[in-house]
Amino acid sequence: MSGDVRTYIANGDNGDEGSTEGELNQWKFRAPYKVHENDPNFHVRYRGSCHCGKIKYQLSREKPLDAKYCHCTTCQKIHGAPFQWAAIFHKTDINFTHGHHDLGWYESSEKTCVHKLPCKVSCAYCRTPIMDEGRNMILLFPTLIDFETPADRRNFDVSCHMFYPRRVLDINDGKPKWTGLNDVSELCADSPRDAVEKRKAEVELEHEQQEQRKKSKGESGQQNGE
């Protein structure tokens, strides 16, 4: 058995039998996996689960910090779908009520099943993607959430599209469409005009600030005799 496979089993692929001992199991005591049992400060707002029901969780935040559609090829392949719908939460916003011992990991850059951040988290039984765990935040998938009202569902409306040039279908929803990560890449031509103009102004301002810093650095160097 390879080292990666041993780590995967120790981390929860139905092989740790609920163990909380050892260095490999320390993740169970930290957010987002730490259980908020009988915590009066954790107010349940939403509930979600995987397809088989082994994994169940609660969310305490009214709205995600942001929600986006990602069209990158990694999301397309892992989700087996045209794009990923992801909602950003703090790690402390989630509480696993069932099955956090039945989670499995996948670290896509090294293609390993070690719990190494950032990593992708799924149910080790039915393989439903549960979330992407980053170093500071988590990306949850709203299709796992049981929305009780249309208003609850609207709380997860997306703000933009990412990696839109890699799309497999056009989506004419009037949302900003970025060529890569939002706010740091270029906007596609079919983005809303106001979003394009805003981004253009931001780029121009960034360029002016860079030029001003260069100028200030040059003047400072001259004064110091450099």
Protein backbone atom coordinates (compact mmCIF):
# COMPACT_ATOMS: atom_id res chain seq x y z
CA MET A 1 0.00 0.00 0.00
CA SER A 2 1.44 3.40 -0.97
CA GLY A 3 1.99 6.18 1.56
CA ASP A 4 -0.71 8.31 -0.07
CA VAL A 5 -3.27 5.53 0.23
CA ARG A 6 -2.41 4.94 3.89
CA THR A 7 -2.83 8.64 4.59
CA TYR A 8 -6.14 8.70 2.74
CA ILE A 9 -7.50 5.82 4.83
CA ALA A 10 -6.25 7.40 8.04
CA ASN A 11 -7.93 10.66 7.08
CA GLY A 12 -11.35 9.17 6.65
CA ASP A 13 -11.98 6.87 3.68
CA ASN A 14 -14.20 4.63 5.82
CA GLY A 15 -11.03 3.26 7.36
CA ASP A 16 -10.33 5.24 10.51
CA GLU A 17 -13.34 3.98 12.50
CA GLY A 18 -13.79 7.40 14.09
CA SER A 19 -10.25 7.62 15.44
CA THR A 20 -9.15 11.04 16.66
CA GLU A 21 -5.64 10.03 17.70
CA GLY A 22 -2.40 10.65 15.87
CA GLU A 23 -1.02 13.53 13.85
CA LEU A 24 -2.97 12.56 10.72
CA ASN A 25 -6.26 13.01 12.55
CA GLN A 26 -5.64 16.48 14.01
CA TRP A 27 -7.79 17.99 11.25
CA LYS A 28 -10.84 16.70 13.14
CA PHE A 29 -10.26 19.25 15.90
CA ARG A 30 -9.97 22.25 13.58
CA ALA A 31 -12.45 24.25 11.48
CA PRO A 32 -14.14 23.43 9.19
CA TYR A 33 -14.32 19.88 10.63
CA LYS A 34 -14.58 20.72 14.32
CA VAL A 35 -18.09 19.79 15.49
CA HIS A 36 -20.11 22.63 17.07
CA GLU A 37 -22.08 20.29 19.30
CA ASN A 38 -24.40 22.14 21.69
CA ASP A 39 -22.77 25.46 20.75
CA PRO A 40 -25.24 28.27 21.56
CA ASN A 41 -23.29 30.65 19.32
CA PHE A 42 -23.78 28.51 16.21
CA HIS A 43 -27.17 29.46 14.77
CA VAL A 44 -28.30 27.05 12.03
CA ARG A 45 -29.48 28.79 8.87
CA TYR A 46 -29.16 26.07 6.19
CA ARG A 47 -28.70 22.31 5.99
CA GLY A 48 -26.96 20.29 3.30
CA SER A 49 -25.99 16.69 2.54
CA CYS A 50 -24.30 14.44 0.00
CA HIS A 51 -26.22 12.10 -2.32
CA CYS A 52 -26.09 9.03 -0.05
CA GLY A 53 -26.77 11.01 3.13
CA LYS A 54 -23.68 9.89 5.05
CA ILE A 55 -22.38 13.47 5.05
CA LYS A 56 -24.66 16.11 6.56
CA TYR A 57 -23.82 19.63 7.60
CA GLN A 58 -25.28 22.92 8.83
CA LEU A 59 -24.44 26.50 7.86
CA SER A 60 -24.76 29.50 10.13
CA ARG A 61 -24.21 32.42 7.71
CA GLU A 62 -27.24 34.10 6.09
CA LYS A 63 -25.46 34.66 2.77
CA PRO A 64 -22.15 33.42 1.38
CA LEU A 65 -19.31 35.92 1.22
CA ASP A 66 -19.58 35.52 -2.55
CA ALA A 67 -20.90 33.04 -5.10
CA LYS A 68 -19.51 32.38 -8.59
CA TYR A 69 -19.69 30.12 -11.61
CA CYS A 70 -16.28 28.66 -12.53
CA HIS A 71 -15.78 27.36 -16.07
CA CYS A 72 -12.20 26.11 -15.69
CA THR A 73 -11.45 22.65 -17.08
CA THR A 74 -10.53 21.27 -13.65
CA CYS A 75 -14.00 22.07 -12.30
CA GLN A 76 -15.60 20.69 -15.46
CA LYS A 77 -13.80 17.37 -15.11
CA ILE A 78 -14.12 16.90 -11.35
CA HIS A 79 -17.81 17.82 -11.28
CA GLY A 80 -18.65 16.18 -14.60
CA ALA A 81 -20.59 19.32 -15.44
CA PRO A 82 -20.32 22.38 -17.72
CA PHE A 83 -19.25 24.55 -14.78
CA GLN A 84 -19.00 24.70 -11.00
CA TRP A 85 -21.38 26.74 -8.82
CA ALA A 86 -19.41 27.68 -5.73
CA ALA A 87 -20.25 29.75 -2.64
CA ILE A 88 -17.54 31.12 -0.35
CA PHE A 89 -17.81 30.75 3.42
CA HIS A 90 -15.58 31.08 6.45
CA LYS A 91 -14.43 27.73 7.81
CA THR A 92 -16.25 28.42 11.06
CA ASP A 93 -19.58 28.84 9.21
CA ILE A 94 -20.03 25.08 8.72
CA ASN A 95 -20.84 22.32 11.19
CA PHE A 96 -20.72 18.65 10.17
CA THR A 97 -23.46 16.77 12.03
CA HIS A 98 -22.91 13.40 10.32
CA GLY A 99 -20.03 11.71 8.59
CA HIS A 100 -17.07 14.02 8.95
CA HIS A 101 -15.11 10.79 9.52
CA ASP A 102 -16.32 9.64 6.08
CA LEU A 103 -14.67 12.40 4.06
CA GLY A 104 -11.97 11.95 1.46
CA TRP A 105 -9.45 14.39 0.04
CA TYR A 106 -7.96 15.17 -3.36
CA GLU A 107 -5.15 17.66 -3.89
CA SER A 108 -5.39 18.42 -7.60
CA SER A 109 -1.98 20.02 -8.27
CA GLU A 110 -0.06 16.93 -7.09
CA LYS A 111 -2.96 14.52 -7.79
CA THR A 112 -2.71 13.04 -4.31
CA CYS A 113 -5.30 12.04 -1.70
CA VAL A 114 -3.37 13.60 1.19
CA HIS A 115 -5.16 16.28 3.23
CA LYS A 116 -2.96 19.09 1.94
CA LEU A 117 -4.35 22.58 1.44
CA PRO A 118 -5.85 23.63 -0.81
CA CYS A 119 -7.73 20.40 -1.43
CA LYS A 120 -11.04 19.06 -2.66
CA VAL A 121 -13.29 17.29 -0.17
CA SER A 122 -15.84 14.61 -1.06
CA CYS A 123 -17.95 11.88 0.50
CA ALA A 124 -15.76 8.79 0.64
CA TYR A 125 -18.82 6.58 0.01
CA CYS A 126 -20.90 8.14 -2.80
CA ARG A 127 -18.09 10.51 -3.95
CA THR A 128 -20.30 13.59 -3.98
CA PRO A 129 -18.08 16.72 -4.00
CA ILE A 130 -18.66 18.44 -0.65
CA MET A 131 -16.42 21.50 -0.85
CA ASP A 132 -13.06 22.91 -1.79
CA GLU A 133 -11.04 23.69 1.33
CA GLY A 134 -8.61 26.56 0.97
CA ARG A 135 -6.10 27.88 3.44
CA ASN A 136 -8.51 30.47 4.82
CA MET A 137 -11.93 29.83 3.28
CA ILE A 138 -14.11 27.02 1.94
CA LEU A 139 -16.02 26.82 -1.34
CA LEU A 140 -19.34 25.04 -0.88
CA PHE A 141 -21.64 23.77 -3.61
CA PRO A 142 -25.19 25.13 -3.20
CA THR A 143 -26.75 22.18 -5.05
CA LEU A 144 -26.18 20.18 -1.84
CA ILE A 145 -28.23 22.61 0.26
CA ASP A 146 -31.92 22.04 1.00
CA PHE A 147 -33.35 25.50 0.35
CA GLU A 148 -36.67 25.97 2.12
CA THR A 149 -37.79 29.07 0.20
CA PRO A 150 -37.03 30.80 -3.13
CA ALA A 151 -35.61 33.70 -1.11
CA ASP A 152 -33.08 31.34 0.48
CA ARG A 153 -32.04 30.20 -2.97
CA ARG A 154 -31.61 33.81 -4.15
CA ASN A 155 -29.14 34.41 -1.32
CA PHE A 156 -26.73 32.24 -3.32
CA ASP A 157 -27.09 34.06 -6.64
CA VAL A 158 -23.71 34.40 -8.32
CA SER A 159 -21.86 37.67 -8.80
CA CYS A 160 -19.82 36.65 -11.84
CA HIS A 161 -18.34 33.96 -14.10
CA MET A 162 -14.67 32.92 -14.00
CA PHE A 163 -12.59 31.36 -16.81
CA TYR A 164 -15.49 32.08 -19.15
CA PRO A 165 -13.48 31.56 -22.39
CA ARG A 166 -13.28 27.85 -21.43
CA ARG A 167 -17.07 27.53 -21.26
CA VAL A 168 -18.89 24.72 -23.01
CA LEU A 169 -22.08 26.78 -23.39
CA ASP A 170 -22.99 30.45 -23.50
CA ILE A 171 -24.83 31.93 -20.51
CA ASN A 172 -26.49 35.27 -21.21
CA ASP A 173 -27.33 36.29 -17.66
CA GLY A 174 -25.89 39.80 -17.62
CA LYS A 175 -23.19 38.88 -15.08
CA PRO A 176 -19.54 39.95 -15.41
CA LYS A 177 -17.52 37.30 -17.22
CA TRP A 178 -13.81 37.09 -16.45
CA THR A 179 -11.12 35.41 -18.55
CA GLY A 180 -9.56 34.00 -15.36
CA LEU A 181 -9.97 34.79 -11.66
CA ASN A 182 -12.34 37.65 -10.98
CA ASP A 183 -10.94 41.13 -10.34
CA VAL A 184 -7.41 40.16 -11.47
CA SER A 185 -8.00 39.08 -15.08
CA GLU A 186 -9.66 40.70 -18.09
CA LEU A 187 -13.39 40.97 -18.63
CA CYS A 188 -14.87 39.26 -21.67
CA ALA A 189 -16.54 41.37 -24.34
CA ASP A 190 -20.04 40.13 -23.47
CA SER A 191 -19.80 41.35 -19.88
CA PRO A 192 -22.11 44.21 -18.83
CA ARG A 193 -20.84 47.57 -20.11
CA ASP A 194 -20.73 49.13 -16.65
CA ALA A 195 -18.59 46.25 -15.38
CA VAL A 196 -16.20 46.66 -18.33
CA GLU A 197 -15.93 50.41 -17.75
CA LYS A 198 -15.35 49.88 -14.03
CA ARG A 199 -12.58 47.38 -14.69
CA LYS A 200 -11.00 49.68 -17.26
CA ALA A 201 -10.94 52.50 -14.70
CA GLU A 202 -9.42 50.16 -12.09
CA VAL A 203 -6.66 49.09 -14.49
CA GLU A 204 -5.89 52.69 -15.39
CA LEU A 205 -5.75 53.63 -11.70
CA GLU A 206 -3.44 50.69 -10.94
CA HIS A 207 -1.16 51.76 -13.79
CA GLU A 208 -1.07 55.36 -12.51
CA GLN A 209 -0.26 54.18 -8.99
CA GLN A 210 2.55 51.95 -10.28
CA GLU A 211 4.03 54.85 -12.25
CA GLN A 212 3.78 57.12 -9.21
CA ARG A 213 5.56 54.54 -7.05
CA LYS A 214 8.34 54.22 -9.63
CA LYS A 215 8.68 58.00 -9.79
CA SER A 216 8.75 58.32 -6.00
CA LYS A 217 11.35 55.57 -5.74
CA GLY A 218 13.50 57.25 -8.38
CA GLU A 219 13.34 60.63 -6.62
CA SER A 220 14.18 58.98 -3.31
CA GLY A 221 17.17 57.27 -4.87
CA GLN A 222 18.47 60.56 -6.29
CA GLN A 223 18.16 62.27 -2.91
CA ASN A 224 20.17 59.46 -1.30
CA GLY A 225 22.85 59.73 -3.95
CA GLU A 226 22.12 56.34 -5.49
